[in-house]
Amino acid sequence: MQTFSANEAKTQFGHFIDVAQREPVRVMRRDRVVGVMVSAKDYEAMREFYANRLQHTLTETAAQAEQAGLTPELLDDLLSDES
């Protein structure tokens, strides 16, 4: 992964974007990572990956809750504001 200072990213923006189309580019300011630029294709792939992972987690959790006997009615009772 290449690294640009924030100033380099600003002054060489065209080159910065070209590099980011090939690989992620780290942006540093005062010796700290302040961002990472990725291509739109990589960004969409990451979003899809995390959405699929979340869906899998939700499905798995729902199955575990059902196996433990948690019904929608019991869940409503547990989450209600009434004691």
Protein backbone atom coordinates (compact mmCIF):
# COMPACT_ATOMS: atom_id res chain seq x y z
CA MET A 1 0.00 0.00 0.00
CA GLN A 2 1.41 3.35 -0.97
CA THR A 3 1.37 6.29 1.40
CA PHE A 4 0.83 9.96 0.60
CA SER A 5 0.98 12.86 2.98
CA ALA A 6 -2.21 14.94 3.05
CA ASN A 7 -0.32 17.70 1.27
CA GLU A 8 0.96 15.31 -1.44
CA ALA A 9 -2.57 13.98 -1.95
CA LYS A 10 -3.77 17.57 -2.41
CA THR A 11 -0.98 18.80 -4.69
CA GLN A 12 -0.77 15.59 -6.75
CA PHE A 13 -4.47 14.75 -6.74
CA GLY A 14 -4.57 13.36 -10.29
CA HIS A 15 -1.68 11.01 -9.58
CA PHE A 16 -3.19 10.15 -6.19
CA ILE A 17 -6.47 9.06 -7.85
CA ASP A 18 -4.59 7.08 -10.52
CA VAL A 19 -2.67 5.16 -7.87
CA ALA A 20 -5.87 4.51 -5.89
CA GLN A 21 -7.40 2.84 -8.96
CA ARG A 22 -4.69 0.17 -8.72
CA GLU A 23 -4.32 -0.23 -4.94
CA PRO A 24 -5.47 1.38 -1.69
CA VAL A 25 -3.55 4.53 -0.78
CA ARG A 26 -2.97 5.57 2.82
CA VAL A 27 -3.12 9.31 3.64
CA MET A 28 -1.02 10.55 6.55
CA ARG A 29 -1.12 13.80 8.49
CA ARG A 30 1.27 14.50 11.36
CA ASP A 31 2.46 10.87 11.38
CA ARG A 32 -1.10 9.50 11.71
CA VAL A 33 -3.24 7.69 9.17
CA VAL A 34 -6.20 9.98 8.48
CA GLY A 35 -7.73 8.11 5.59
CA VAL A 36 -7.44 5.48 2.90
CA MET A 37 -8.48 6.03 -0.70
CA VAL A 38 -9.75 3.01 -2.63
CA SER A 39 -11.24 2.65 -6.09
CA ALA A 40 -15.02 2.78 -6.47
CA LYS A 41 -14.93 -0.88 -7.53
CA ASP A 42 -13.08 -1.91 -4.35
CA TYR A 43 -15.39 0.22 -2.21
CA GLU A 44 -18.50 -1.44 -3.65
CA ALA A 45 -16.94 -4.89 -3.18
CA MET A 46 -16.25 -4.07 0.48
CA ARG A 47 -19.81 -2.81 1.00
CA GLU A 48 -21.22 -5.99 -0.54
CA PHE A 49 -18.91 -8.17 1.56
CA TYR A 50 -19.95 -6.49 4.83
CA ALA A 51 -23.65 -6.49 3.89
CA ASN A 52 -23.45 -10.24 3.20
CA ARG A 53 -21.58 -10.81 6.44
CA LEU A 54 -24.22 -8.85 8.38
CA GLN A 55 -27.04 -10.80 6.71
CA HIS A 56 -25.33 -14.08 7.60
CA THR A 57 -24.89 -12.95 11.22
CA LEU A 58 -28.55 -11.92 11.48
CA THR A 59 -29.75 -15.21 10.02
CA GLU A 60 -27.48 -17.21 12.32
CA THR A 61 -28.53 -15.21 15.39
CA ALA A 62 -32.22 -15.62 14.55
CA ALA A 63 -31.76 -19.39 14.24
CA GLN A 64 -29.97 -19.55 17.60
CA ALA A 65 -32.70 -17.46 19.25
CA GLU A 66 -35.39 -19.72 17.82
CA GLN A 67 -33.55 -22.82 19.07
CA ALA A 68 -33.37 -21.22 22.53
CA GLY A 69 -37.14 -20.74 22.51
CA LEU A 70 -37.26 -17.01 21.87
CA THR A 71 -40.55 -16.28 20.15
CA PRO A 72 -41.62 -12.93 18.68
CA GLU A 73 -44.13 -12.59 21.51
CA LEU A 74 -41.51 -13.23 24.20
CA LEU A 75 -39.17 -10.78 22.52
CA ASP A 76 -41.90 -8.13 22.50
CA ASP A 77 -42.45 -8.71 26.21
CA LEU A 78 -38.73 -8.49 26.95
CA LEU A 79 -38.37 -5.25 24.99
CA SER A 80 -41.51 -3.55 26.27
CA ASP A 81 -41.16 -0.55 28.58
CA GLU A 82 -43.65 -2.02 31.03
CA SER A 83 -42.30 -3.96 33.97
